[in-house]
Amino acid sequence: MLFSLQTQIVSELRPNEKEAVVDKLTFSAFAGTPFELALRGAGVGAIAIVGVAAEIGIEPTVRHAGDLGFIPVGVTDACAAGNAEAGVRTMESLRFLGEAMLTDVAGFCDALVGRS
């Protein structure tokens, strides 16, 4: 199958032989995939969620993660939307409902190294 250049993984982010790749075929990354089992098996309790189509894939994944007992962390400036207005509404909805911790890349990096 041929993919367009726009859908290819850039070389800096290409998974190595020790990293798993899960095909996401539904709105939520958890539906129909072994993602939940892999995270539980690794003892993961919180997940950073980034990507494209905030209004289509990010929001359902965030909500599903919370329903499954994970702490979803949405990295807002590492998410894009197919429709800008819908993307803004999505982030506002997640913020309003408190379904996820929302931060930006700088805040996420600070949290990883223990800075507040």
PDB file of N, CA and C in Angstrom:
ATOM      1  N   MET A   1       0.844  -1.165   0.000  1.00  0.00           N
ATOM      2  CA  MET A   1       0.000   0.000   0.000  1.00  0.00           C
ATOM      3  C   MET A   1       0.895   1.235   0.000  1.00  0.00           C
ATOM      4  N   LEU A   2       0.550   2.197  -0.806  1.00  0.00           N
ATOM      5  CA  LEU A   2       1.311   3.439  -0.884  1.00  0.00           C
ATOM      6  C   LEU A   2       0.670   4.501  -0.013  1.00  0.00           C
ATOM      7  N   PHE A   3       1.500   5.248   0.691  1.00  0.00           N
ATOM      8  CA  PHE A   3       1.021   6.340   1.510  1.00  0.00           C
ATOM      9  C   PHE A   3       1.624   7.636   0.997  1.00  0.00           C
ATOM     10  N   SER A   4       0.909   8.729   1.177  1.00  0.00           N
ATOM     11  CA  SER A   4       1.443  10.011   0.737  1.00  0.00           C
ATOM     12  C   SER A   4       2.559  10.458   1.670  1.00  0.00           C
ATOM     13  N   LEU A   5       3.371  11.344   1.207  1.00  0.00           N
ATOM     14  CA  LEU A   5       4.470  11.876   2.000  1.00  0.00           C
ATOM     15  C   LEU A   5       3.960  12.488   3.306  1.00  0.00           C
ATOM     16  N   GLN A   6       2.782  13.101   3.281  1.00  0.00           N
ATOM     17  CA  GLN A   6       2.234  13.756   4.459  1.00  0.00           C
ATOM     18  C   GLN A   6       1.862  12.778   5.566  1.00  0.00           C
ATOM     19  N   THR A   7       1.702  11.506   5.264  1.00  0.00           N
ATOM     20  CA  THR A   7       1.308  10.537   6.290  1.00  0.00           C
ATOM     21  C   THR A   7       2.470   9.674   6.769  1.00  0.00           C
ATOM     22  N   GLN A   8       3.652   9.936   6.289  1.00  0.00           N
ATOM     23  CA  GLN A   8       4.819   9.157   6.702  1.00  0.00           C
ATOM     24  C   GLN A   8       5.356   9.649   8.034  1.00  0.00           C
ATOM     25  N   ILE A   9       5.942   8.763   8.809  1.00  0.00           N
ATOM     26  CA  ILE A   9       6.576   9.127  10.065  1.00  0.00           C
ATOM     27  C   ILE A   9       7.932   9.747   9.740  1.00  0.00           C
ATOM     28  N   VAL A  10       8.185  10.935  10.290  1.00  0.00           N
ATOM     29  CA  VAL A  10       9.478  11.572  10.032  1.00  0.00           C
ATOM     30  C   VAL A  10      10.581  10.752  10.686  1.00  0.00           C
ATOM     31  N   SER A  11      11.755  10.792  10.101  1.00  0.00           N
ATOM     32  CA  SER A  11      12.849   9.927  10.554  1.00  0.00           C
ATOM     33  C   SER A  11      13.180  10.109  12.031  1.00  0.00           C
ATOM     34  N   GLU A  12      13.052  11.320  12.552  1.00  0.00           N
ATOM     35  CA  GLU A  12      13.360  11.567  13.959  1.00  0.00           C
ATOM     36  C   GLU A  12      12.391  10.853  14.910  1.00  0.00           C
ATOM     37  N   LEU A  13      11.208  10.512  14.432  1.00  0.00           N
ATOM     38  CA  LEU A  13      10.196   9.863  15.270  1.00  0.00           C
ATOM     39  C   LEU A  13       9.948   8.406  14.891  1.00  0.00           C
ATOM     40  N   ARG A  14      10.710   7.900  13.957  1.00  0.00           N
ATOM     41  CA  ARG A  14      10.515   6.523  13.501  1.00  0.00           C
ATOM     42  C   ARG A  14      10.770   5.560  14.665  1.00  0.00           C
ATOM     43  N   PRO A  15       9.842   4.626  14.909  1.00  0.00           N
ATOM     44  CA  PRO A  15      10.031   3.672  16.012  1.00  0.00           C
ATOM     45  C   PRO A  15      11.252   2.788  15.777  1.00  0.00           C
ATOM     46  N   ASN A  16      11.939   2.464  16.854  1.00  0.00           N
ATOM     47  CA  ASN A  16      13.059   1.532  16.732  1.00  0.00           C
ATOM     48  C   ASN A  16      12.560   0.104  16.958  1.00  0.00           C
ATOM     49  N   GLU A  17      13.452  -0.856  16.916  1.00  0.00           N
ATOM     50  CA  GLU A  17      13.060  -2.267  17.016  1.00  0.00           C
ATOM     51  C   GLU A  17      12.503  -2.648  18.385  1.00  0.00           C
ATOM     52  N   LYS A  18      12.689  -1.813  19.396  1.00  0.00           N
ATOM     53  CA  LYS A  18      12.177  -2.099  20.739  1.00  0.00           C
ATOM     54  C   LYS A  18      10.832  -1.429  21.011  1.00  0.00           C
ATOM     55  N   GLU A  19      10.338  -0.644  20.076  1.00  0.00           N
ATOM     56  CA  GLU A  19       9.095   0.091  20.267  1.00  0.00           C
ATOM     57  C   GLU A  19       7.957  -0.566  19.497  1.00  0.00           C
ATOM     58  N   ALA A  20       6.821  -0.660  20.152  1.00  0.00           N
ATOM     59  CA  ALA A  20       5.641  -1.271  19.537  1.00  0.00           C
ATOM     60  C   ALA A  20       4.898  -0.234  18.687  1.00  0.00           C
ATOM     61  N   VAL A  21       4.277  -0.707  17.642  1.00  0.00           N
ATOM     62  CA  VAL A  21       3.430   0.123  16.793  1.00  0.00           C
ATOM     63  C   VAL A  21       2.059  -0.536  16.765  1.00  0.00           C
ATOM     64  N   VAL A  22       1.036   0.231  17.084  1.00  0.00           N
ATOM     65  CA  VAL A  22      -0.330  -0.282  17.123  1.00  0.00           C
ATOM     66  C   VAL A  22      -1.139   0.441  16.065  1.00  0.00           C
ATOM     67  N   ASP A  23      -1.793  -0.301  15.193  1.00  0.00           N
ATOM     68  CA  ASP A  23      -2.666   0.303  14.193  1.00  0.00           C
ATOM     69  C   ASP A  23      -3.961   0.729  14.863  1.00  0.00           C
ATOM     70  N   LYS A  24      -4.302   2.002  14.718  1.00  0.00           N
ATOM     71  CA  LYS A  24      -5.527   2.552  15.288  1.00  0.00           C
ATOM     72  C   LYS A  24      -6.553   2.653  14.172  1.00  0.00           C
ATOM     73  N   LEU A  25      -7.629   1.888  14.293  1.00  0.00           N
ATOM     74  CA  LEU A  25      -8.624   1.840  13.233  1.00  0.00           C
ATOM     75  C   LEU A  25      -9.958   2.456  13.642  1.00  0.00           C
ATOM     76  N   THR A  26     -10.078   2.874  14.899  1.00  0.00           N
ATOM     77  CA  THR A  26     -11.314   3.471  15.403  1.00  0.00           C
ATOM     78  C   THR A  26     -10.997   4.849  15.975  1.00  0.00           C
ATOM     79  N   PHE A  27     -11.995   5.538  16.455  1.00  0.00           N
ATOM     80  CA  PHE A  27     -11.760   6.868  17.023  1.00  0.00           C
ATOM     81  C   PHE A  27     -10.856   6.791  18.246  1.00  0.00           C
ATOM     82  N   SER A  28     -11.077   5.834  19.120  1.00  0.00           N
ATOM     83  CA  SER A  28     -10.260   5.689  20.321  1.00  0.00           C
ATOM     84  C   SER A  28      -9.096   4.746  20.052  1.00  0.00           C
ATOM     85  N   ALA A  29      -7.929   5.106  20.548  1.00  0.00           N
ATOM     86  CA  ALA A  29      -6.755   4.236  20.391  1.00  0.00           C
ATOM     87  C   ALA A  29      -6.907   2.942  21.183  1.00  0.00           C
ATOM     88  N   PHE A  30      -7.870   2.891  22.096  1.00  0.00           N
ATOM     89  CA  PHE A  30      -8.064   1.703  22.919  1.00  0.00           C
ATOM     90  C   PHE A  30      -9.012   0.684  22.289  1.00  0.00           C
ATOM     91  N   ALA A  31      -9.929   1.135  21.458  1.00  0.00           N
ATOM     92  CA  ALA A  31     -10.937   0.238  20.884  1.00  0.00           C
ATOM     93  C   ALA A  31     -10.329  -0.637  19.797  1.00  0.00           C
ATOM     94  N   GLY A  32     -10.441  -1.934  19.958  1.00  0.00           N
ATOM     95  CA  GLY A  32      -9.979  -2.867  18.935  1.00  0.00           C
ATOM     96  C   GLY A  32      -8.478  -3.018  18.834  1.00  0.00           C
ATOM     97  N   THR A  33      -7.746  -2.573  19.854  1.00  0.00           N
ATOM     98  CA  THR A  33      -6.288  -2.694  19.843  1.00  0.00           C
ATOM     99  C   THR A  33      -5.826  -3.307  21.166  1.00  0.00           C
ATOM    100  N   PRO A  34      -4.595  -3.783  21.222  1.00  0.00           N
ATOM    101  CA  PRO A  34      -4.059  -4.301  22.489  1.00  0.00           C
ATOM    102  C   PRO A  34      -3.436  -3.214  23.357  1.00  0.00           C
ATOM    103  N   PHE A  35      -3.734  -1.954  23.073  1.00  0.00           N
ATOM    104  CA  PHE A  35      -3.093  -0.830  23.746  1.00  0.00           C
ATOM    105  C   PHE A  35      -3.290  -0.875  25.270  1.00  0.00           C
ATOM    106  N   GLU A  36      -4.519  -1.085  25.713  1.00  0.00           N
ATOM    107  CA  GLU A  36      -4.778  -1.136  27.156  1.00  0.00           C
ATOM    108  C   GLU A  36      -3.967  -2.238  27.821  1.00  0.00           C
ATOM    109  N   LEU A  37      -3.962  -3.421  27.239  1.00  0.00           N
ATOM    110  CA  LEU A  37      -3.207  -4.536  27.821  1.00  0.00           C
ATOM    111  C   LEU A  37      -1.713  -4.238  27.886  1.00  0.00           C
ATOM    112  N   ALA A  38      -1.192  -3.615  26.844  1.00  0.00           N
ATOM    113  CA  ALA A  38       0.229  -3.274  26.818  1.00  0.00           C
ATOM    114  C   ALA A  38       0.564  -2.263  27.914  1.00  0.00           C
ATOM    115  N   LEU A  39      -0.286  -1.255  28.077  1.00  0.00           N
ATOM    116  CA  LEU A  39      -0.039  -0.250  29.109  1.00  0.00           C
ATOM    117  C   LEU A  39      -0.125  -0.856  30.508  1.00  0.00           C
ATOM    118  N   ARG A  40      -1.148  -1.675  30.729  1.00  0.00           N
ATOM    119  CA  ARG A  40      -1.298  -2.310  32.052  1.00  0.00           C
ATOM    120  C   ARG A  40      -0.129  -3.252  32.325  1.00  0.00           C
ATOM    121  N   GLY A  41       0.291  -3.999  31.320  1.00  0.00           N
ATOM    122  CA  GLY A  41       1.410  -4.921  31.476  1.00  0.00           C
ATOM    123  C   GLY A  41       2.702  -4.205  31.810  1.00  0.00           C
ATOM    124  N   ALA A  42       2.823  -2.962  31.345  1.00  0.00           N
ATOM    125  CA  ALA A  42       4.020  -2.167  31.613  1.00  0.00           C
ATOM    126  C   ALA A  42       3.880  -1.330  32.888  1.00  0.00           C
ATOM    127  N   GLY A  43       2.733  -1.428  33.539  1.00  0.00           N
ATOM    128  CA  GLY A  43       2.520  -0.675  34.769  1.00  0.00           C
ATOM    129  C   GLY A  43       2.306   0.810  34.571  1.00  0.00           C
ATOM    130  N   VAL A  44       1.830   1.188  33.398  1.00  0.00           N
ATOM    131  CA  VAL A  44       1.616   2.599  33.081  1.00  0.00           C
ATOM    132  C   VAL A  44       0.288   3.061  33.678  1.00  0.00           C
ATOM    133  N   GLY A  45       0.309   4.221  34.331  1.00  0.00           N
ATOM    134  CA  GLY A  45      -0.909   4.771  34.914  1.00  0.00           C
ATOM    135  C   GLY A  45      -1.375   6.049  34.265  1.00  0.00           C
ATOM    136  N   ALA A  46      -0.460   6.733  33.588  1.00  0.00           N
ATOM    137  CA  ALA A  46      -0.790   7.992  32.920  1.00  0.00           C
ATOM    138  C   ALA A  46      -0.213   7.954  31.513  1.00  0.00           C
ATOM    139  N   ILE A  47      -0.937   8.566  30.578  1.00  0.00           N
ATOM    140  CA  ILE A  47      -0.447   8.581  29.198  1.00  0.00           C
ATOM    141  C   ILE A  47      -0.541   9.992  28.630  1.00  0.00           C
ATOM    142  N   ALA A  48       0.484  10.384  27.895  1.00  0.00           N
ATOM    143  CA  ALA A  48       0.475  11.649  27.165  1.00  0.00           C
ATOM    144  C   ALA A  48      -0.201  11.392  25.826  1.00  0.00           C
ATOM    145  N   ILE A  49      -1.113  12.258  25.485  1.00  0.00           N
ATOM    146  CA  ILE A  49      -1.858  12.084  24.241  1.00  0.00           C
ATOM    147  C   ILE A  49      -1.588  13.284  23.345  1.00  0.00           C
ATOM    148  N   VAL A  50      -1.068  12.994  22.162  1.00  0.00           N
ATOM    149  CA  VAL A  50      -0.742  14.004  21.165  1.00  0.00           C
ATOM    150  C   VAL A  50      -1.186  13.483  19.805  1.00  0.00           C
ATOM    151  N   GLY A  51      -1.249  14.339  18.831  1.00  0.00           N
ATOM    152  CA  GLY A  51      -1.546  13.861  17.491  1.00  0.00           C
ATOM    153  C   GLY A  51      -2.409  14.807  16.689  1.00  0.00           C
ATOM    154  N   VAL A  52      -2.986  14.243  15.660  1.00  0.00           N
ATOM    155  CA  VAL A  52      -3.793  14.998  14.715  1.00  0.00           C
ATOM    156  C   VAL A  52      -5.253  14.620  14.902  1.00  0.00           C
ATOM    157  N   ALA A  53      -6.101  15.533  14.547  1.00  0.00           N
ATOM    158  CA  ALA A  53      -7.548  15.356  14.587  1.00  0.00           C
ATOM    159  C   ALA A  53      -8.061  15.305  16.017  1.00  0.00           C
ATOM    160  N   ALA A  54      -7.804  16.389  16.744  1.00  0.00           N
ATOM    161  CA  ALA A  54      -8.241  16.495  18.138  1.00  0.00           C
ATOM    162  C   ALA A  54      -9.718  16.175  18.278  1.00  0.00           C
ATOM    163  N   GLU A  55     -10.509  16.649  17.349  1.00  0.00           N
ATOM    164  CA  GLU A  55     -11.957  16.482  17.431  1.00  0.00           C
ATOM    165  C   GLU A  55     -12.427  15.088  17.033  1.00  0.00           C
ATOM    166  N   ILE A  56     -11.569  14.299  16.424  1.00  0.00           N
ATOM    167  CA  ILE A  56     -11.965  12.977  15.938  1.00  0.00           C
ATOM    168  C   ILE A  56     -11.256  11.854  16.681  1.00  0.00           C
ATOM    169  N   GLY A  57      -9.972  11.965  16.902  1.00  0.00           N
ATOM    170  CA  GLY A  57      -9.223  10.883  17.526  1.00  0.00           C
ATOM    171  C   GLY A  57      -8.719  11.177  18.918  1.00  0.00           C
ATOM    172  N   ILE A  58      -8.301  12.417  19.161  1.00  0.00           N
ATOM    173  CA  ILE A  58      -7.744  12.774  20.465  1.00  0.00           C
ATOM    174  C   ILE A  58      -8.828  12.721  21.543  1.00  0.00           C
ATOM    175  N   GLU A  59      -9.936  13.397  21.318  1.00  0.00           N
ATOM    176  CA  GLU A  59     -10.996  13.447  22.337  1.00  0.00           C
ATOM    177  C   GLU A  59     -11.518  12.056  22.710  1.00  0.00           C
ATOM    178  N   PRO A  60     -11.867  11.196  21.750  1.00  0.00           N
ATOM    179  CA  PRO A  60     -12.332   9.864  22.149  1.00  0.00           C
ATOM    180  C   PRO A  60     -11.275   9.058  22.900  1.00  0.00           C
ATOM    181  N   THR A  61     -10.023   9.213  22.522  1.00  0.00           N
ATOM    182  CA  THR A  61      -8.958   8.488  23.211  1.00  0.00           C
ATOM    183  C   THR A  61      -8.793   9.002  24.632  1.00  0.00           C
ATOM    184  N   VAL A  62      -8.844  10.322  24.819  1.00  0.00           N
ATOM    185  CA  VAL A  62      -8.749  10.899  26.160  1.00  0.00           C
ATOM    186  C   VAL A  62      -9.883  10.392  27.036  1.00  0.00           C
ATOM    187  N   ARG A  63     -11.096  10.453  26.533  1.00  0.00           N
ATOM    188  CA  ARG A  63     -12.266  10.021  27.320  1.00  0.00           C
ATOM    189  C   ARG A  63     -12.186   8.527  27.644  1.00  0.00           C
ATOM    190  N   HIS A  64     -11.797   7.736  26.677  1.00  0.00           N
ATOM    191  CA  HIS A  64     -11.701   6.293  26.874  1.00  0.00           C
ATOM    192  C   HIS A  64     -10.613   5.969  27.893  1.00  0.00           C
ATOM    193  N   ALA A  65      -9.477   6.668  27.799  1.00  0.00           N
ATOM    194  CA  ALA A  65      -8.387   6.453  28.761  1.00  0.00           C
ATOM    195  C   ALA A  65      -8.875   6.700  30.178  1.00  0.00           C
ATOM    196  N   GLY A  66      -9.592   7.790  30.375  1.00  0.00           N
ATOM    197  CA  GLY A  66     -10.130   8.094  31.700  1.00  0.00           C
ATOM    198  C   GLY A  66     -11.113   7.046  32.167  1.00  0.00           C
ATOM    199  N   ASP A  67     -11.982   6.586  31.268  1.00  0.00           N
ATOM    200  CA  ASP A  67     -12.950   5.540  31.619  1.00  0.00           C
ATOM    201  C   ASP A  67     -12.262   4.261  32.055  1.00  0.00           C
ATOM    202  N   LEU A  68     -11.083   4.005  31.494  1.00  0.00           N
ATOM    203  CA  LEU A  68     -10.340   2.783  31.827  1.00  0.00           C
ATOM    204  C   LEU A  68      -9.458   2.954  33.063  1.00  0.00           C
ATOM    205  N   GLY A  69      -9.450   4.148  33.644  1.00  0.00           N
ATOM    206  CA  GLY A  69      -8.685   4.372  34.858  1.00  0.00           C
ATOM    207  C   GLY A  69      -7.285   4.929  34.650  1.00  0.00           C
ATOM    208  N   PHE A  70      -6.933   5.267  33.428  1.00  0.00           N
ATOM    209  CA  PHE A  70      -5.653   5.909  33.169  1.00  0.00           C
ATOM    210  C   PHE A  70      -5.804   7.412  33.389  1.00  0.00           C
ATOM    211  N   ILE A  71      -4.716   8.086  33.635  1.00  0.00           N
ATOM    212  CA  ILE A  71      -4.721   9.543  33.711  1.00  0.00           C
ATOM    213  C   ILE A  71      -4.282  10.062  32.340  1.00  0.00           C
ATOM    214  N   PRO A  72      -5.217  10.623  31.575  1.00  0.00           N
ATOM    215  CA  PRO A  72      -4.838  11.156  30.263  1.00  0.00           C
ATOM    216  C   PRO A  72      -4.261  12.565  30.405  1.00  0.00           C
ATOM    217  N   VAL A  73      -3.134  12.796  29.765  1.00  0.00           N
ATOM    218  CA  VAL A  73      -2.497  14.104  29.760  1.00  0.00           C
ATOM    219  C   VAL A  73      -2.493  14.589  28.313  1.00  0.00           C
ATOM    220  N   GLY A  74      -3.312  15.580  28.028  1.00  0.00           N
ATOM    221  CA  GLY A  74      -3.360  16.143  26.685  1.00  0.00           C
ATOM    222  C   GLY A  74      -2.320  17.233  26.543  1.00  0.00           C
ATOM    223  N   VAL A  75      -1.427  17.069  25.590  1.00  0.00           N
ATOM    224  CA  VAL A  75      -0.391  18.072  25.331  1.00  0.00           C
ATOM    225  C   VAL A  75      -0.942  18.961  24.219  1.00  0.00           C
ATOM    226  N   THR A  76      -1.536  20.073  24.620  1.00  0.00           N
ATOM    227  CA  THR A  76      -2.374  20.856  23.715  1.00  0.00           C
ATOM    228  C   THR A  76      -1.653  21.403  22.491  1.00  0.00           C
ATOM    229  N   ASP A  77      -0.418  21.850  22.643  1.00  0.00           N
ATOM    230  CA  ASP A  77       0.274  22.391  21.480  1.00  0.00           C
ATOM    231  C   ASP A  77       0.976  21.308  20.660  1.00  0.00           C
ATOM    232  N   ALA A  78       0.735  20.062  21.006  1.00  0.00           N
ATOM    233  CA  ALA A  78       1.209  18.934  20.204  1.00  0.00           C
ATOM    234  C   ALA A  78       0.016  18.194  19.607  1.00  0.00           C
ATOM    235  N   CYS A  79      -1.134  18.871  19.563  1.00  0.00           N
ATOM    236  CA  CYS A  79      -2.342  18.327  18.946  1.00  0.00           C
ATOM    237  C   CYS A  79      -2.799  19.282  17.855  1.00  0.00           C
ATOM    238  N   ALA A  80      -3.291  18.723  16.799  1.00  0.00           N
ATOM    239  CA  ALA A  80      -3.828  19.529  15.706  1.00  0.00           C
ATOM    240  C   ALA A  80      -5.263  19.098  15.450  1.00  0.00           C
ATOM    241  N   ALA A  81      -5.960  19.858  14.650  1.00  0.00           N
ATOM    242  CA  ALA A  81      -7.348  19.544  14.340  1.00  0.00           C
ATOM    243  C   ALA A  81      -7.578  19.638  12.843  1.00  0.00           C
ATOM    244  N   GLY A  82      -8.455  18.794  12.343  1.00  0.00           N
ATOM    245  CA  GLY A  82      -8.840  18.873  10.944  1.00  0.00           C
ATOM    246  C   GLY A  82      -9.695  20.095  10.702  1.00  0.00           C
ATOM    247  N   ASN A  83     -10.459  20.465  11.717  1.00  0.00           N
ATOM    248  CA  ASN A  83     -11.303  21.649  11.671  1.00  0.00           C
ATOM    249  C   ASN A  83     -10.931  22.500  12.877  1.00  0.00           C
ATOM    250  N   ALA A  84     -10.402  23.671  12.642  1.00  0.00           N
ATOM    251  CA  ALA A  84      -9.870  24.510  13.722  1.00  0.00           C
ATOM    252  C   ALA A  84     -10.916  24.824  14.789  1.00  0.00           C
ATOM    253  N   GLU A  85     -12.123  25.197  14.377  1.00  0.00           N
ATOM    254  CA  GLU A  85     -13.173  25.512  15.352  1.00  0.00           C
ATOM    255  C   GLU A  85     -13.531  24.294  16.190  1.00  0.00           C
ATOM    256  N   ALA A  86     -13.640  23.144  15.557  1.00  0.00           N
ATOM    257  CA  ALA A  86     -13.966  21.918  16.285  1.00  0.00           C
ATOM    258  C   ALA A  86     -12.834  21.549  17.246  1.00  0.00           C
ATOM    259  N   GLY A  87     -11.603  21.793  16.829  1.00  0.00           N
ATOM    260  CA  GLY A  87     -10.462  21.516  17.696  1.00  0.00           C
ATOM    261  C   GLY A  87     -10.474  22.374  18.947  1.00  0.00           C
ATOM    262  N   VAL A  88     -10.812  23.653  18.796  1.00  0.00           N
ATOM    263  CA  VAL A  88     -10.910  24.554  19.943  1.00  0.00           C
ATOM    264  C   VAL A  88     -12.025  24.082  20.872  1.00  0.00           C
ATOM    265  N   ARG A  89     -13.176  23.742  20.306  1.00  0.00           N
ATOM    266  CA  ARG A  89     -14.298  23.245  21.122  1.00  0.00           C
ATOM    267  C   ARG A  89     -13.906  21.979  21.873  1.00  0.00           C
ATOM    268  N   THR A  90     -13.158  21.104  21.216  1.00  0.00           N
ATOM    269  CA  THR A  90     -12.719  19.861  21.855  1.00  0.00           C
ATOM    270  C   THR A  90     -11.872  20.146  23.082  1.00  0.00           C
ATOM    271  N   MET A  91     -10.876  20.994  22.941  1.00  0.00           N
ATOM    272  CA  MET A  91     -10.004  21.309  24.079  1.00  0.00           C
ATOM    273  C   MET A  91     -10.775  22.023  25.178  1.00  0.00           C
ATOM    274  N   GLU A  92     -11.689  22.930  24.797  1.00  0.00           N
ATOM    275  CA  GLU A  92     -12.510  23.611  25.801  1.00  0.00           C
ATOM    276  C   GLU A  92     -13.387  22.623  26.552  1.00  0.00           C
ATOM    277  N   SER A  93     -13.946  21.656  25.833  1.00  0.00           N
ATOM    278  CA  SER A  93     -14.790  20.642  26.462  1.00  0.00           C
ATOM    279  C   SER A  93     -13.987  19.772  27.428  1.00  0.00           C
ATOM    280  N   LEU A  94     -12.818  19.330  27.003  1.00  0.00           N
ATOM    281  CA  LEU A  94     -11.976  18.511  27.885  1.00  0.00           C
ATOM    282  C   LEU A  94     -11.555  19.304  29.117  1.00  0.00           C
ATOM    283  N   ARG A  95     -11.230  20.573  28.930  1.00  0.00           N
ATOM    284  CA  ARG A  95     -10.843  21.434  30.055  1.00  0.00           C
ATOM    285  C   ARG A  95     -12.028  21.622  31.003  1.00  0.00           C
ATOM    286  N   PHE A  96     -13.201  21.910  30.457  1.00  0.00           N
ATOM    287  CA  PHE A  96     -14.398  22.153  31.267  1.00  0.00           C
ATOM    288  C   PHE A  96     -14.796  20.919  32.065  1.00  0.00           C
ATOM    289  N   LEU A  97     -14.773  19.771  31.426  1.00  0.00           N
ATOM    290  CA  LEU A  97     -15.221  18.543  32.097  1.00  0.00           C
ATOM    291  C   LEU A  97     -14.155  17.953  33.018  1.00  0.00           C
ATOM    292  N   GLY A  98     -12.931  18.412  32.882  1.00  0.00           N
ATOM    293  CA  GLY A  98     -11.871  17.898  33.742  1.00  0.00           C
ATOM    294  C   GLY A  98     -11.511  16.457  33.455  1.00  0.00           C
ATOM    295  N   GLU A  99     -11.729  16.030  32.226  1.00  0.00           N
ATOM    296  CA  GLU A  99     -11.488  14.634  31.867  1.00  0.00           C
ATOM    297  C   GLU A  99     -10.021  14.315  31.633  1.00  0.00           C
ATOM    298  N   ALA A 100      -9.206  15.357  31.575  1.00  0.00           N
ATOM    299  CA  ALA A 100      -7.784  15.140  31.318  1.00  0.00           C
ATOM    300  C   ALA A 100      -6.995  16.258  31.967  1.00  0.00           C
ATOM    301  N   MET A 101      -5.748  15.958  32.226  1.00  0.00           N
ATOM    302  CA  MET A 101      -4.821  17.022  32.585  1.00  0.00           C
ATOM    303  C   MET A 101      -4.374  17.617  31.263  1.00  0.00           C
ATOM    304  N   LEU A 102      -4.453  18.922  31.127  1.00  0.00           N
ATOM    305  CA  LEU A 102      -4.035  19.574  29.892  1.00  0.00           C
ATOM    306  C   LEU A 102      -2.828  20.450  30.183  1.00  0.00           C
ATOM    307  N   THR A 103      -1.860  20.376  29.304  1.00  0.00           N
ATOM    308  CA  THR A 103      -0.642  21.158  29.442  1.00  0.00           C
ATOM    309  C   THR A 103      -0.080  21.421  28.060  1.00  0.00           C
ATOM    310  N   ASP A 104       1.005  22.149  28.003  1.00  0.00           N
ATOM    311  CA  ASP A 104       1.694  22.347  26.731  1.00  0.00           C
ATOM    312  C   ASP A 104       3.016  21.577  26.777  1.00  0.00           C
ATOM    313  N   VAL A 105       3.746  21.588  25.679  1.00  0.00           N
ATOM    314  CA  VAL A 105       4.991  20.821  25.604  1.00  0.00           C
ATOM    315  C   VAL A 105       5.962  21.252  26.699  1.00  0.00           C
ATOM    316  N   ALA A 106       6.099  22.556  26.911  1.00  0.00           N
ATOM    317  CA  ALA A 106       7.038  23.039  27.929  1.00  0.00           C
ATOM    318  C   ALA A 106       6.638  22.544  29.315  1.00  0.00           C
ATOM    319  N   GLY A 107       5.360  22.622  29.645  1.00  0.00           N
ATOM    320  CA  GLY A 107       4.888  22.146  30.943  1.00  0.00           C
ATOM    321  C   GLY A 107       5.065  20.646  31.096  1.00  0.00           C
ATOM    322  N   PHE A 108       4.833  19.924  30.014  1.00  0.00           N
ATOM    323  CA  PHE A 108       5.005  18.466  30.045  1.00  0.00           C
ATOM    324  C   PHE A 108       6.471  18.107  30.275  1.00  0.00           C
ATOM    325  N   CYS A 109       7.364  18.785  29.570  1.00  0.00           N
ATOM    326  CA  CYS A 109       8.801  18.526  29.758  1.00  0.00           C
ATOM    327  C   CYS A 109       9.250  18.882  31.163  1.00  0.00           C
ATOM    328  N   ASP A 110       8.734  19.985  31.691  1.00  0.00           N
ATOM    329  CA  ASP A 110       9.056  20.365  33.072  1.00  0.00           C
ATOM    330  C   ASP A 110       8.602  19.276  34.050  1.00  0.00           C
ATOM    331  N   ALA A 111       7.400  18.752  33.834  1.00  0.00           N
ATOM    332  CA  ALA A 111       6.884  17.696  34.714  1.00  0.00           C
ATOM    333  C   ALA A 111       7.743  16.443  34.635  1.00  0.00           C
ATOM    334  N   LEU A 112       8.239  16.135  33.453  1.00  0.00           N
ATOM    335  CA  LEU A 112       9.073  14.940  33.299  1.00  0.00           C
ATOM    336  C   LEU A 112      10.379  15.041  34.070  1.00  0.00           C
ATOM    337  N   VAL A 113      10.923  16.230  34.179  1.00  0.00           N
ATOM    338  CA  VAL A 113      12.188  16.396  34.884  1.00  0.00           C
ATOM    339  C   VAL A 113      11.987  16.889  36.316  1.00  0.00           C
ATOM    340  N   GLY A 114      10.719  16.990  36.756  1.00  0.00           N
ATOM    341  CA  GLY A 114      10.438  17.331  38.134  1.00  0.00           C
ATOM    342  C   GLY A 114      10.417  18.805  38.452  1.00  0.00           C
ATOM    343  N   ARG A 115      10.310  19.659  37.435  1.00  0.00           N
ATOM    344  CA  ARG A 115      10.192  21.094  37.672  1.00  0.00           C
ATOM    345  C   ARG A 115       8.715  21.467  37.675  1.00  0.00           C
ATOM    346  N   SER A 116       8.353  22.426  38.492  1.00  0.00           N
ATOM    347  CA  SER A 116       6.950  22.895  38.515  1.00  0.00           C
ATOM    348  C   SER A 116       6.837  24.284  37.973  1.00  0.00           C
TER     349      SER A 116
END
